[in-house]
Amino acid sequence: MADPFQDVDAAGEEFIAAFADSMDARQSDPKMESIVASYLSKLKFAEGSLTVEVGAGAGAVTRRIAAKAEPEQVMAFEPSSGFVRVARERAKQHTNVTFEVADGTALPLDDHSVCNLIMHTVLTHVVDPVPLLQEARRVLKSDGCLVVCDADFSKASLSNSANDPLDACARAFVNEFVTDPYIVAKMRSLMTATDFEVTDFDVQSRTIADNEQMLPWVEETAKRMLERGEIGEELFGGLVAEYKRRAAAGTLYGHQVFATAIAKPS
């Protein structure tokens, strides 16, 4: 089944609302805040600079970028009109950011007009990352910076034991909601091949032990199984309840790996 993040609007309003909230919850996690704060600290936001985010979703990371760059301008592009609508509503307090519907392979920007360009968990959801990286190369200034931060979904887990049913949900989530779970392994070579020089590469682990930030991995996956008639209501409810039980009991163990590459035009 195709990754629904390739066409979010086709996935429907319920999907948009659920994942807008999920992205906000994930970004509020201290580890994710640290990851974003770390790469933003390595960028320059000089007077008159323009920072762009490609694939901004509902703006969870964009709001962090806007706060760091203020008063300099931030433009966020996202192909989903539904996500853009939500992003504009949630970022009203930031006067230095705009959200526009646009594909990352065809940005409405002049050549060499951007100081910083950020792609946060974008490339893992596209069939071919090269056109996005080429477009980033086109719009970045010669001394600009590209930041690519993404999850290594091939290492994701919700396993407490062999044949853990929650981990089966995690594997199903990767299969159905991710286009390329191995993008982190390819990240640096893709950037080099599109005329970038990687200047910084960092990998950090994220553990989810006592909250619902990986609950959509179980809930959305089990919902699809239910809709396809693969499981019944009892098992659907049981999987969701088991996640919540572990979170409350302190026995939940979710694991993700995030990598960040920073590069400059060669």
Protein backbone atom coordinates (compact mmCIF):
# COMPACT_ATOMS: atom_id res chain seq x y z
CA MET A 1 0.00 0.00 0.00
CA ALA A 2 1.27 3.47 -0.88
CA ASP A 3 2.65 5.75 1.81
CA PRO A 4 -0.26 8.14 2.61
CA PHE A 5 2.23 10.96 3.23
CA GLN A 6 2.82 11.03 -0.53
CA ASP A 7 -0.72 12.44 -0.90
CA VAL A 8 -1.93 13.66 2.46
CA ASP A 9 -5.05 15.40 1.17
CA ALA A 10 -6.25 12.16 -0.41
CA ALA A 11 -5.89 10.45 2.96
CA GLY A 12 -8.67 12.67 4.33
CA GLU A 13 -9.41 15.14 7.11
CA GLU A 14 -9.25 12.56 9.90
CA PHE A 15 -5.72 11.61 8.84
CA ILE A 16 -4.68 15.28 8.61
CA ALA A 17 -6.02 16.07 12.09
CA ALA A 18 -4.54 12.94 13.68
CA PHE A 19 -1.06 13.41 12.27
CA ALA A 20 -1.00 17.17 12.82
CA ASP A 21 -1.52 16.40 16.51
CA SER A 22 0.94 13.50 16.38
CA MET A 23 3.66 15.71 14.85
CA ASP A 24 3.10 18.33 17.56
CA ALA A 25 3.34 15.65 20.26
CA ARG A 26 6.51 14.18 18.76
CA GLN A 27 8.16 17.57 18.49
CA SER A 28 7.34 18.37 22.13
CA ASP A 29 9.46 15.39 23.19
CA PRO A 30 12.67 16.67 24.86
CA LYS A 31 14.86 14.52 22.60
CA MET A 32 13.23 15.89 19.45
CA GLU A 33 13.45 19.43 20.80
CA SER A 34 17.16 18.81 21.37
CA ILE A 35 17.69 17.44 17.85
CA VAL A 36 16.00 20.43 16.20
CA ALA A 37 17.64 22.95 18.54
CA SER A 38 21.04 21.42 17.74
CA TYR A 39 20.83 21.85 13.99
CA LEU A 40 19.23 25.29 14.24
CA SER A 41 22.12 26.40 16.47
CA LYS A 42 24.52 25.65 13.59
CA LEU A 43 22.72 27.97 11.13
CA LYS A 44 23.13 31.70 10.63
CA PHE A 45 20.10 33.96 10.49
CA ALA A 46 21.69 37.18 9.30
CA GLU A 47 19.76 40.38 8.77
CA GLY A 48 17.70 40.11 5.59
CA SER A 49 18.13 36.33 5.38
CA LEU A 50 15.47 33.91 4.18
CA THR A 51 15.08 30.45 5.66
CA VAL A 52 12.91 27.87 3.88
CA GLU A 53 11.38 24.65 5.12
CA VAL A 54 10.33 22.11 2.50
CA GLY A 55 7.68 19.55 3.45
CA ALA A 56 6.60 21.48 6.53
CA GLY A 57 3.58 19.34 7.36
CA ALA A 58 1.39 21.07 9.93
CA GLY A 59 4.26 23.30 11.04
CA ALA A 60 5.50 21.65 14.24
CA VAL A 61 9.15 22.22 13.30
CA THR A 62 8.43 25.42 11.36
CA ARG A 63 7.36 27.16 14.55
CA ARG A 64 10.71 26.30 16.13
CA ILE A 65 12.52 27.63 13.06
CA ALA A 66 10.50 30.86 13.13
CA ALA A 67 11.25 31.42 16.81
CA LYS A 68 14.98 30.90 16.23
CA ALA A 69 15.13 33.05 13.08
CA GLU A 70 12.99 35.94 14.36
CA PRO A 71 12.79 38.65 13.11
CA GLU A 72 14.17 37.21 9.85
CA GLN A 73 11.76 35.67 7.38
CA VAL A 74 10.81 31.98 7.17
CA MET A 75 8.86 30.46 4.27
CA ALA A 76 7.38 26.99 4.67
CA PHE A 77 6.24 24.92 1.70
CA GLU A 78 4.01 21.85 1.90
CA PRO A 79 2.15 20.01 -0.89
CA SER A 80 -0.87 19.27 1.32
CA SER A 81 -3.41 22.10 1.44
CA GLY A 82 -4.93 20.44 4.51
CA PHE A 83 -1.66 20.55 6.43
CA VAL A 84 -1.06 24.15 5.31
CA ARG A 85 -4.47 25.18 6.63
CA VAL A 86 -3.69 23.66 10.03
CA ALA A 87 -0.14 25.07 10.02
CA ARG A 88 -1.34 28.63 9.44
CA GLU A 89 -3.81 28.35 12.30
CA ARG A 90 -1.23 26.99 14.73
CA ALA A 91 1.50 29.52 13.87
CA LYS A 92 -0.51 32.73 14.24
CA GLN A 93 1.78 33.99 16.99
CA HIS A 94 4.78 34.00 14.61
CA THR A 95 4.65 37.07 12.37
CA ASN A 96 7.83 36.17 10.46
CA VAL A 97 6.57 32.93 8.87
CA THR A 98 4.37 32.16 5.87
CA PHE A 99 3.00 28.82 4.69
CA GLU A 100 2.35 28.06 1.03
CA VAL A 101 1.15 25.03 -0.90
CA ALA A 102 4.01 23.93 -3.17
CA ASP A 103 5.89 20.84 -4.25
CA GLY A 104 9.47 20.68 -3.06
CA THR A 105 10.63 19.92 -6.59
CA ALA A 106 9.26 23.21 -7.96
CA LEU A 107 9.63 25.99 -5.41
CA PRO A 108 8.33 29.46 -6.35
CA LEU A 109 11.70 31.03 -5.52
CA ASP A 110 14.49 32.65 -7.49
CA ASP A 111 17.83 30.97 -8.03
CA HIS A 112 20.31 31.49 -5.18
CA SER A 113 17.81 33.40 -3.01
CA VAL A 114 17.73 31.22 0.13
CA CYS A 115 20.16 31.27 3.06
CA ASN A 116 18.99 28.11 4.86
CA LEU A 117 16.82 25.26 3.61
CA ILE A 118 15.51 22.58 5.96
CA MET A 119 13.90 19.21 5.20
CA HIS A 120 12.69 17.54 8.39
CA THR A 121 11.41 13.96 7.94
CA VAL A 122 10.68 14.55 4.25
CA LEU A 123 12.97 12.36 2.15
CA THR A 124 11.80 9.17 3.81
CA HIS A 125 8.36 9.80 2.29
CA VAL A 126 9.36 10.43 -1.35
CA VAL A 127 10.05 7.91 -4.09
CA ASP A 128 12.99 9.86 -5.54
CA PRO A 129 14.81 12.36 -3.27
CA VAL A 130 17.10 13.61 -6.04
CA PRO A 131 14.72 16.22 -7.57
CA LEU A 132 14.12 17.75 -4.12
CA LEU A 133 17.84 17.99 -3.43
CA GLN A 134 18.47 19.45 -6.89
CA GLU A 135 15.80 22.08 -6.28
CA ALA A 136 17.38 22.90 -2.93
CA ARG A 137 20.72 23.32 -4.72
CA ARG A 138 19.08 25.70 -7.22
CA VAL A 139 17.54 28.06 -4.66
CA LEU A 140 20.35 28.09 -2.09
CA LYS A 141 22.94 30.83 -2.09
CA SER A 142 26.54 29.77 -2.66
CA ASP A 143 27.20 30.10 1.08
CA GLY A 144 23.81 28.74 2.11
CA CYS A 145 23.12 25.67 4.25
CA LEU A 146 20.98 22.61 3.63
CA VAL A 147 19.73 20.63 6.63
CA VAL A 148 18.24 17.17 6.17
CA CYS A 149 16.93 15.50 9.31
CA ASP A 150 15.21 12.14 9.00
CA ALA A 151 14.35 8.96 10.83
CA ASP A 152 16.01 5.63 10.20
CA PHE A 153 12.76 3.68 10.15
CA SER A 154 14.65 0.47 9.45
CA LYS A 155 15.79 0.55 13.12
CA ALA A 156 12.40 1.48 14.65
CA SER A 157 10.97 -0.86 17.28
CA LEU A 158 8.22 -1.28 19.87
CA SER A 159 9.51 -4.67 20.97
CA ASN A 160 9.62 -5.92 24.56
CA SER A 161 9.98 -9.56 23.58
CA ALA A 162 10.14 -11.96 20.66
CA ASN A 163 7.00 -11.84 18.50
CA ASP A 164 5.71 -8.79 20.39
CA PRO A 165 2.33 -7.78 18.85
CA LEU A 166 3.09 -4.09 19.35
CA ASP A 167 6.33 -4.50 17.43
CA ALA A 168 4.36 -6.22 14.66
CA CYS A 169 2.31 -3.00 14.50
CA ALA A 170 5.50 -0.96 14.33
CA ARG A 171 6.80 -3.03 11.42
CA ALA A 172 3.45 -2.72 9.67
CA PHE A 173 3.53 1.05 10.21
CA VAL A 174 6.90 1.27 8.49
CA ASN A 175 5.63 -0.87 5.62
CA GLU A 176 2.48 1.20 5.10
CA PHE A 177 3.39 4.74 6.15
CA VAL A 178 7.03 5.06 5.01
CA THR A 179 8.37 5.09 1.45
CA ASP A 180 12.06 4.48 2.13
CA PRO A 181 12.94 3.27 5.65
CA TYR A 182 16.65 3.19 4.70
CA ILE A 183 17.00 6.85 3.65
CA VAL A 184 19.43 7.66 6.47
CA ALA A 185 21.94 5.17 5.08
CA LYS A 186 21.76 6.94 1.72
CA MET A 187 21.54 10.52 2.96
CA ARG A 188 25.16 11.63 2.61
CA SER A 189 25.77 9.98 -0.76
CA LEU A 190 22.56 11.52 -2.16
CA MET A 191 23.64 14.97 -1.03
CA THR A 192 27.11 14.54 -2.47
CA ALA A 193 25.67 13.33 -5.79
CA THR A 194 23.54 16.49 -6.05
CA ASP A 195 26.51 18.83 -5.65
CA PHE A 196 26.55 19.35 -1.88
CA GLU A 197 29.42 19.00 0.54
CA VAL A 198 28.34 17.43 3.83
CA THR A 199 29.93 19.36 6.69
CA ASP A 200 28.15 17.79 9.66
CA PHE A 201 26.50 14.41 10.27
CA ASP A 202 24.95 13.45 13.59
CA VAL A 203 22.92 10.42 14.72
CA GLN A 204 20.83 10.31 17.90
CA SER A 205 18.57 7.69 19.47
CA ARG A 206 15.12 8.48 20.80
CA THR A 207 13.33 6.33 23.36
CA ILE A 208 9.59 6.48 24.06
CA ALA A 209 8.94 4.98 27.49
CA ASP A 210 5.99 6.67 29.18
CA ASN A 211 3.88 8.61 26.70
CA GLU A 212 1.61 8.18 23.67
CA GLN A 213 3.99 9.57 21.04
CA MET A 214 4.22 6.25 19.20
CA LEU A 215 0.57 5.35 19.77
CA PRO A 216 -0.33 6.27 16.14
CA TRP A 217 2.05 3.51 15.02
CA VAL A 218 -0.31 1.05 16.73
CA GLU A 219 -3.64 2.84 16.36
CA GLU A 220 -3.42 3.83 12.69
CA THR A 221 -1.94 0.50 11.63
CA ALA A 222 -4.50 -1.53 13.55
CA LYS A 223 -7.26 0.68 12.14
CA ARG A 224 -6.19 -0.25 8.62
CA MET A 225 -6.11 -3.94 9.57
CA LEU A 226 -9.62 -3.58 11.00
CA GLU A 227 -10.91 -1.85 7.88
CA ARG A 228 -9.46 -4.64 5.71
CA GLY A 229 -11.11 -7.28 7.86
CA GLU A 230 -7.76 -8.72 8.98
CA ILE A 231 -8.57 -8.28 12.68
CA GLY A 232 -11.70 -7.69 14.72
CA GLU A 233 -12.77 -4.88 17.05
CA GLU A 234 -11.59 -6.83 20.09
CA LEU A 235 -7.99 -7.13 18.88
CA PHE A 236 -7.98 -3.52 17.63
CA GLY A 237 -9.05 -2.30 21.07
CA GLY A 238 -6.66 -4.70 22.77
CA LEU A 239 -3.60 -3.46 20.87
CA VAL A 240 -4.37 0.17 21.70
CA ALA A 241 -5.10 -0.72 25.31
CA GLU A 242 -1.83 -2.67 25.60
CA TYR A 243 0.19 0.32 24.41
CA LYS A 244 -1.52 2.55 26.98
CA ARG A 245 -1.08 -0.07 29.72
CA ARG A 246 2.66 -0.27 29.10
CA ALA A 247 2.97 3.52 29.02
CA ALA A 248 1.19 3.78 32.39
CA ALA A 249 3.13 0.86 33.90
CA GLY A 250 6.52 2.13 32.76
CA THR A 251 7.16 -0.95 30.61
CA LEU A 252 6.75 0.71 27.20
CA TYR A 253 9.88 0.69 25.05
CA GLY A 254 9.77 2.44 21.72
CA HIS A 255 13.01 3.12 19.88
CA GLN A 256 13.83 5.40 16.94
CA VAL A 257 17.03 6.71 15.37
CA PHE A 258 17.25 10.20 13.87
CA ALA A 259 20.09 11.50 11.70
CA THR A 260 20.90 15.07 10.71
CA ALA A 261 23.14 16.06 7.82
CA ILE A 262 24.17 19.66 7.18
CA ALA A 263 25.68 20.54 3.82
CA LYS A 264 26.78 23.46 1.70
CA PRO A 265 26.71 23.81 -2.10
CA SER A 266 29.96 22.47 -3.54
